[in-house]
Amino acid sequence: MQANSELSKSLAGFNILAEQYPDLKA
């Protein structure tokens, strides 16, 4: 539960990163 909580926090930053790359989104 703790590890997945940390993973959820990290995914938030990852989502912002992915938004910055239109080629990646395609």
PDB file of all heavy atoms in Angstrom:
ATOM      1  N   MET A   1       0.830  -1.200   0.000  1.00  0.00           N
ATOM      2  CA  MET A   1       0.000   0.000   0.000  1.00  0.00           C
ATOM      3  C   MET A   1       0.870   1.256   0.000  1.00  0.00           C
ATOM      4  O   MET A   1       0.596   2.206  -0.719  1.00  0.00           O
ATOM      5  CB  MET A   1      -0.971  -0.014   1.184  1.00  0.00           C
ATOM      6  CG  MET A   1      -2.108  -0.992   1.006  1.00  0.00           C
ATOM      7  SD  MET A   1      -3.376  -0.820   2.275  1.00  0.00           S
ATOM      8  CE  MET A   1      -2.888  -2.076   3.419  1.00  0.00           C
ATOM      9  N   GLN A   2       1.943   1.251   0.783  1.00  0.00           N
ATOM     10  CA  GLN A   2       2.841   2.399   0.839  1.00  0.00           C
ATOM     11  C   GLN A   2       3.560   2.593  -0.492  1.00  0.00           C
ATOM     12  O   GLN A   2       3.660   3.718  -0.998  1.00  0.00           O
ATOM     13  CB  GLN A   2       3.865   2.219   1.974  1.00  0.00           C
ATOM     14  CG  GLN A   2       4.826   3.381   2.115  1.00  0.00           C
ATOM     15  CD  GLN A   2       4.138   4.700   2.422  1.00  0.00           C
ATOM     16  OE1 GLN A   2       3.159   4.746   3.156  1.00  0.00           O
ATOM     17  NE2 GLN A   2       4.634   5.773   1.851  1.00  0.00           N
ATOM     18  N   ALA A   3       4.061   1.499  -1.071  1.00  0.00           N
ATOM     19  CA  ALA A   3       4.775   1.592  -2.350  1.00  0.00           C
ATOM     20  C   ALA A   3       3.856   2.107  -3.453  1.00  0.00           C
ATOM     21  O   ALA A   3       4.258   2.931  -4.279  1.00  0.00           O
ATOM     22  CB  ALA A   3       5.349   0.232  -2.733  1.00  0.00           C
ATOM     23  N   ASN A   4       2.620   1.654  -3.464  1.00  0.00           N
ATOM     24  CA  ASN A   4       1.688   2.115  -4.483  1.00  0.00           C
ATOM     25  C   ASN A   4       1.252   3.546  -4.243  1.00  0.00           C
ATOM     26  O   ASN A   4       0.953   4.274  -5.184  1.00  0.00           O
ATOM     27  CB  ASN A   4       0.500   1.160  -4.593  1.00  0.00           C
ATOM     28  CG  ASN A   4       0.842  -0.010  -5.472  1.00  0.00           C
ATOM     29  OD1 ASN A   4       0.921   0.124  -6.687  1.00  0.00           O
ATOM     30  ND2 ASN A   4       1.112  -1.147  -4.870  1.00  0.00           N
ATOM     31  N   SER A   5       1.250   3.974  -3.007  1.00  0.00           N
ATOM     32  CA  SER A   5       0.970   5.376  -2.710  1.00  0.00           C
ATOM     33  C   SER A   5       2.089   6.249  -3.283  1.00  0.00           C
ATOM     34  O   SER A   5       1.828   7.282  -3.912  1.00  0.00           O
ATOM     35  CB  SER A   5       0.860   5.548  -1.196  1.00  0.00           C
ATOM     36  OG  SER A   5       0.557   6.864  -0.876  1.00  0.00           O
ATOM     37  N   GLU A   6       3.335   5.827  -3.083  1.00  0.00           N
ATOM     38  CA  GLU A   6       4.482   6.558  -3.638  1.00  0.00           C
ATOM     39  C   GLU A   6       4.431   6.551  -5.165  1.00  0.00           C
ATOM     40  O   GLU A   6       4.741   7.548  -5.813  1.00  0.00           O
ATOM     41  CB  GLU A   6       5.796   5.928  -3.164  1.00  0.00           C
ATOM     42  CG  GLU A   6       6.053   6.077  -1.688  1.00  0.00           C
ATOM     43  CD  GLU A   6       6.226   7.519  -1.257  1.00  0.00           C
ATOM     44  OE1 GLU A   6       6.845   8.308  -2.004  1.00  0.00           O
ATOM     45  OE2 GLU A   6       5.721   7.874  -0.181  1.00  0.00           O
ATOM     46  N   LEU A   7       4.036   5.428  -5.732  1.00  0.00           N
ATOM     47  CA  LEU A   7       3.943   5.313  -7.192  1.00  0.00           C
ATOM     48  C   LEU A   7       2.887   6.274  -7.735  1.00  0.00           C
ATOM     49  O   LEU A   7       3.100   6.915  -8.771  1.00  0.00           O
ATOM     50  CB  LEU A   7       3.618   3.870  -7.574  1.00  0.00           C
ATOM     51  CG  LEU A   7       3.761   3.487  -9.031  1.00  0.00           C
ATOM     52  CD1 LEU A   7       5.164   3.771  -9.541  1.00  0.00           C
ATOM     53  CD2 LEU A   7       3.438   2.008  -9.204  1.00  0.00           C
ATOM     54  N   SER A   8       1.782   6.408  -7.033  1.00  0.00           N
ATOM     55  CA  SER A   8       0.734   7.342  -7.465  1.00  0.00           C
ATOM     56  C   SER A   8       1.253   8.772  -7.480  1.00  0.00           C
ATOM     57  O   SER A   8       0.955   9.540  -8.393  1.00  0.00           O
ATOM     58  CB  SER A   8      -0.481   7.254  -6.542  1.00  0.00           C
ATOM     59  OG  SER A   8      -1.127   6.022  -6.699  1.00  0.00           O
ATOM     60  N   LYS A   9       2.032   9.133  -6.450  1.00  0.00           N
ATOM     61  CA  LYS A   9       2.620  10.471  -6.409  1.00  0.00           C
ATOM     62  C   LYS A   9       3.553  10.691  -7.598  1.00  0.00           C
ATOM     63  O   LYS A   9       3.532  11.753  -8.222  1.00  0.00           O
ATOM     64  CB  LYS A   9       3.422  10.669  -5.112  1.00  0.00           C
ATOM     65  CG  LYS A   9       2.606  10.764  -3.872  1.00  0.00           C
ATOM     66  CD  LYS A   9       3.528  10.890  -2.668  1.00  0.00           C
ATOM     67  CE  LYS A   9       2.818  10.530  -1.390  1.00  0.00           C
ATOM     68  NZ  LYS A   9       3.732  10.489  -0.248  1.00  0.00           N
ATOM     69  N   SER A  10       4.376   9.693  -7.899  1.00  0.00           N
ATOM     70  CA  SER A  10       5.329   9.813  -9.002  1.00  0.00           C
ATOM     71  C   SER A  10       4.617   9.891 -10.353  1.00  0.00           C
ATOM     72  O   SER A  10       5.075  10.582 -11.255  1.00  0.00           O
ATOM     73  CB  SER A  10       6.286   8.619  -9.006  1.00  0.00           C
ATOM     74  OG  SER A  10       7.064   8.626  -7.847  1.00  0.00           O
ATOM     75  N   LEU A  11       3.520   9.181 -10.489  1.00  0.00           N
ATOM     76  CA  LEU A  11       2.780   9.204 -11.754  1.00  0.00           C
ATOM     77  C   LEU A  11       2.237  10.595 -12.067  1.00  0.00           C
ATOM     78  O   LEU A  11       2.120  10.964 -13.238  1.00  0.00           O
ATOM     79  CB  LEU A  11       1.626   8.194 -11.726  1.00  0.00           C
ATOM     80  CG  LEU A  11       2.019   6.749 -11.993  1.00  0.00           C
ATOM     81  CD1 LEU A  11       0.812   5.842 -11.813  1.00  0.00           C
ATOM     82  CD2 LEU A  11       2.625   6.570 -13.360  1.00  0.00           C
ATOM     83  N   ALA A  12       1.927  11.367 -11.041  1.00  0.00           N
ATOM     84  CA  ALA A  12       1.424  12.727 -11.271  1.00  0.00           C
ATOM     85  C   ALA A  12       2.473  13.555 -12.016  1.00  0.00           C
ATOM     86  O   ALA A  12       2.160  14.246 -12.989  1.00  0.00           O
ATOM     87  CB  ALA A  12       1.050  13.386  -9.956  1.00  0.00           C
ATOM     88  N   GLY A  13       3.723  13.488 -11.588  1.00  0.00           N
ATOM     89  CA  GLY A  13       4.802  14.207 -12.275  1.00  0.00           C
ATOM     90  C   GLY A  13       5.063  13.641 -13.652  1.00  0.00           C
ATOM     91  O   GLY A  13       5.377  14.366 -14.603  1.00  0.00           O
ATOM     92  N   PHE A  14       4.919  12.360 -13.782  1.00  0.00           N
ATOM     93  CA  PHE A  14       5.110  11.689 -15.062  1.00  0.00           C
ATOM     94  C   PHE A  14       4.061  12.139 -16.069  1.00  0.00           C
ATOM     95  O   PHE A  14       4.359  12.354 -17.247  1.00  0.00           O
ATOM     96  CB  PHE A  14       5.030  10.178 -14.825  1.00  0.00           C
ATOM     97  CG  PHE A  14       5.320   9.353 -16.036  1.00  0.00           C
ATOM     98  CD1 PHE A  14       6.614   9.230 -16.511  1.00  0.00           C
ATOM     99  CD2 PHE A  14       4.305   8.687 -16.687  1.00  0.00           C
ATOM    100  CE1 PHE A  14       6.886   8.462 -17.618  1.00  0.00           C
ATOM    101  CE2 PHE A  14       4.564   7.919 -17.793  1.00  0.00           C
ATOM    102  CZ  PHE A  14       5.856   7.792 -18.258  1.00  0.00           C
ATOM    103  N   ASN A  15       2.835  12.313 -15.622  1.00  0.00           N
ATOM    104  CA  ASN A  15       1.753  12.762 -16.499  1.00  0.00           C
ATOM    105  C   ASN A  15       2.041  14.148 -17.058  1.00  0.00           C
ATOM    106  O   ASN A  15       1.783  14.425 -18.230  1.00  0.00           O
ATOM    107  CB  ASN A  15       0.421  12.771 -15.750  1.00  0.00           C
ATOM    108  CG  ASN A  15      -0.029  11.388 -15.374  1.00  0.00           C
ATOM    109  OD1 ASN A  15       0.360  10.402 -15.984  1.00  0.00           O
ATOM    110  ND2 ASN A  15      -0.843  11.302 -14.353  1.00  0.00           N
ATOM    111  N   ILE A  16       2.557  15.021 -16.216  1.00  0.00           N
ATOM    112  CA  ILE A  16       2.904  16.379 -16.657  1.00  0.00           C
ATOM    113  C   ILE A  16       3.994  16.310 -17.714  1.00  0.00           C
ATOM    114  O   ILE A  16       3.937  17.000 -18.736  1.00  0.00           O
ATOM    115  CB  ILE A  16       3.346  17.237 -15.446  1.00  0.00           C
ATOM    116  CG1 ILE A  16       2.139  17.459 -14.528  1.00  0.00           C
ATOM    117  CG2 ILE A  16       3.953  18.555 -15.898  1.00  0.00           C
ATOM    118  CD1 ILE A  16       2.494  18.027 -13.168  1.00  0.00           C
ATOM    119  N   LEU A  17       4.971  15.456 -17.487  1.00  0.00           N
ATOM    120  CA  LEU A  17       6.064  15.280 -18.441  1.00  0.00           C
ATOM    121  C   LEU A  17       5.537  14.817 -19.802  1.00  0.00           C
ATOM    122  O   LEU A  17       5.904  15.367 -20.844  1.00  0.00           O
ATOM    123  CB  LEU A  17       7.066  14.254 -17.897  1.00  0.00           C
ATOM    124  CG  LEU A  17       8.125  13.739 -18.874  1.00  0.00           C
ATOM    125  CD1 LEU A  17       9.073  14.861 -19.231  1.00  0.00           C
ATOM    126  CD2 LEU A  17       8.881  12.577 -18.262  1.00  0.00           C
ATOM    127  N   ALA A  18       4.684  13.831 -19.804  1.00  0.00           N
ATOM    128  CA  ALA A  18       4.172  13.277 -21.057  1.00  0.00           C
ATOM    129  C   ALA A  18       3.364  14.305 -21.834  1.00  0.00           C
ATOM    130  O   ALA A  18       3.340  14.280 -23.068  1.00  0.00           O
ATOM    131  CB  ALA A  18       3.334  12.037 -20.781  1.00  0.00           C
ATOM    132  N   GLU A  19       2.696  15.206 -21.127  1.00  0.00           N
ATOM    133  CA  GLU A  19       1.925  16.258 -21.787  1.00  0.00           C
ATOM    134  C   GLU A  19       2.814  17.162 -22.650  1.00  0.00           C
ATOM    135  O   GLU A  19       2.352  17.767 -23.606  1.00  0.00           O
ATOM    136  CB  GLU A  19       1.199  17.114 -20.747  1.00  0.00           C
ATOM    137  CG  GLU A  19      -0.066  16.497 -20.202  1.00  0.00           C
ATOM    138  CD  GLU A  19      -1.169  16.438 -21.232  1.00  0.00           C
ATOM    139  OE1 GLU A  19      -1.330  17.369 -22.037  1.00  0.00           O
ATOM    140  OE2 GLU A  19      -1.878  15.419 -21.235  1.00  0.00           O
ATOM    141  N   GLN A  20       4.080  17.254 -22.310  1.00  0.00           N
ATOM    142  CA  GLN A  20       4.989  18.172 -22.996  1.00  0.00           C
ATOM    143  C   GLN A  20       5.492  17.629 -24.333  1.00  0.00           C
ATOM    144  O   GLN A  20       6.179  18.342 -25.057  1.00  0.00           O
ATOM    145  CB  GLN A  20       6.188  18.487 -22.082  1.00  0.00           C
ATOM    146  CG  GLN A  20       5.782  19.173 -20.812  1.00  0.00           C
ATOM    147  CD  GLN A  20       6.945  19.291 -19.833  1.00  0.00           C
ATOM    148  OE1 GLN A  20       8.050  18.865 -20.104  1.00  0.00           O
ATOM    149  NE2 GLN A  20       6.672  19.875 -18.686  1.00  0.00           N
ATOM    150  N   TYR A  21       5.155  16.400 -24.678  1.00  0.00           N
ATOM    151  CA  TYR A  21       5.690  15.777 -25.888  1.00  0.00           C
ATOM    152  C   TYR A  21       4.557  15.301 -26.800  1.00  0.00           C
ATOM    153  O   TYR A  21       4.066  14.176 -26.658  1.00  0.00           O
ATOM    154  CB  TYR A  21       6.618  14.609 -25.511  1.00  0.00           C
ATOM    155  CG  TYR A  21       7.827  15.096 -24.767  1.00  0.00           C
ATOM    156  CD1 TYR A  21       7.832  15.157 -23.377  1.00  0.00           C
ATOM    157  CD2 TYR A  21       8.945  15.536 -25.464  1.00  0.00           C
ATOM    158  CE1 TYR A  21       8.932  15.641 -22.693  1.00  0.00           C
ATOM    159  CE2 TYR A  21      10.055  16.016 -24.782  1.00  0.00           C
ATOM    160  CZ  TYR A  21      10.041  16.066 -23.405  1.00  0.00           C
ATOM    161  OH  TYR A  21      11.131  16.544 -22.734  1.00  0.00           O
ATOM    162  N   PRO A  22       4.159  16.124 -27.765  1.00  0.00           N
ATOM    163  CA  PRO A  22       3.059  15.745 -28.661  1.00  0.00           C
ATOM    164  C   PRO A  22       3.358  14.480 -29.463  1.00  0.00           C
ATOM    165  O   PRO A  22       2.457  13.680 -29.712  1.00  0.00           O
ATOM    166  CB  PRO A  22       2.916  16.952 -29.602  1.00  0.00           C
ATOM    167  CG  PRO A  22       3.609  18.071 -28.911  1.00  0.00           C
ATOM    168  CD  PRO A  22       4.635  17.478 -28.013  1.00  0.00           C
ATOM    169  N   ASP A  23       4.631  14.285 -29.851  1.00  0.00           N
ATOM    170  CA  ASP A  23       4.968  13.071 -30.606  1.00  0.00           C
ATOM    171  C   ASP A  23       4.741  11.821 -29.760  1.00  0.00           C
ATOM    172  O   ASP A  23       4.309  10.793 -30.272  1.00  0.00           O
ATOM    173  CB  ASP A  23       6.438  13.103 -31.057  1.00  0.00           C
ATOM    174  CG  ASP A  23       6.682  14.162 -32.115  1.00  0.00           C
ATOM    175  OD1 ASP A  23       5.689  14.642 -32.710  1.00  0.00           O
ATOM    176  OD2 ASP A  23       7.849  14.507 -32.343  1.00  0.00           O
ATOM    177  N   LEU A  24       5.034  11.933 -28.498  1.00  0.00           N
ATOM    178  CA  LEU A  24       4.829  10.812 -27.588  1.00  0.00           C
ATOM    179  C   LEU A  24       3.345  10.484 -27.500  1.00  0.00           C
ATOM    180  O   LEU A  24       2.948   9.316 -27.529  1.00  0.00           O
ATOM    181  CB  LEU A  24       5.378  11.151 -26.202  1.00  0.00           C
ATOM    182  CG  LEU A  24       5.127  10.129 -25.106  1.00  0.00           C
ATOM    183  CD1 LEU A  24       5.787   8.804 -25.441  1.00  0.00           C
ATOM    184  CD2 LEU A  24       5.626  10.656 -23.768  1.00  0.00           C
ATOM    185  N   LYS A  25       2.533  11.516 -27.417  1.00  0.00           N
ATOM    186  CA  LYS A  25       1.086  11.305 -27.306  1.00  0.00           C
ATOM    187  C   LYS A  25       0.506  10.649 -28.554  1.00  0.00           C
ATOM    188  O   LYS A  25      -0.566  10.074 -28.518  1.00  0.00           O
ATOM    189  CB  LYS A  25       0.383  12.633 -27.024  1.00  0.00           C
ATOM    190  CG  LYS A  25       0.718  13.130 -25.632  1.00  0.00           C
ATOM    191  CD  LYS A  25       0.217  14.479 -25.237  1.00  0.00           C
ATOM    192  CE  LYS A  25      -0.892  15.106 -25.957  1.00  0.00           C
ATOM    193  NZ  LYS A  25      -1.322  16.378 -25.403  1.00  0.00           N
ATOM    194  N   ALA A  26       1.222  10.702 -29.665  1.00  0.00           N
ATOM    195  CA  ALA A  26       0.760  10.091 -30.906  1.00  0.00           C
ATOM    196  C   ALA A  26       1.334   8.689 -31.106  1.00  0.00           C
ATOM    197  O   ALA A  26       0.910   7.975 -32.012  1.00  0.00           O
ATOM    198  CB  ALA A  26       1.147  10.971 -32.094  1.00  0.00           C
TER     199      ALA A  26
END
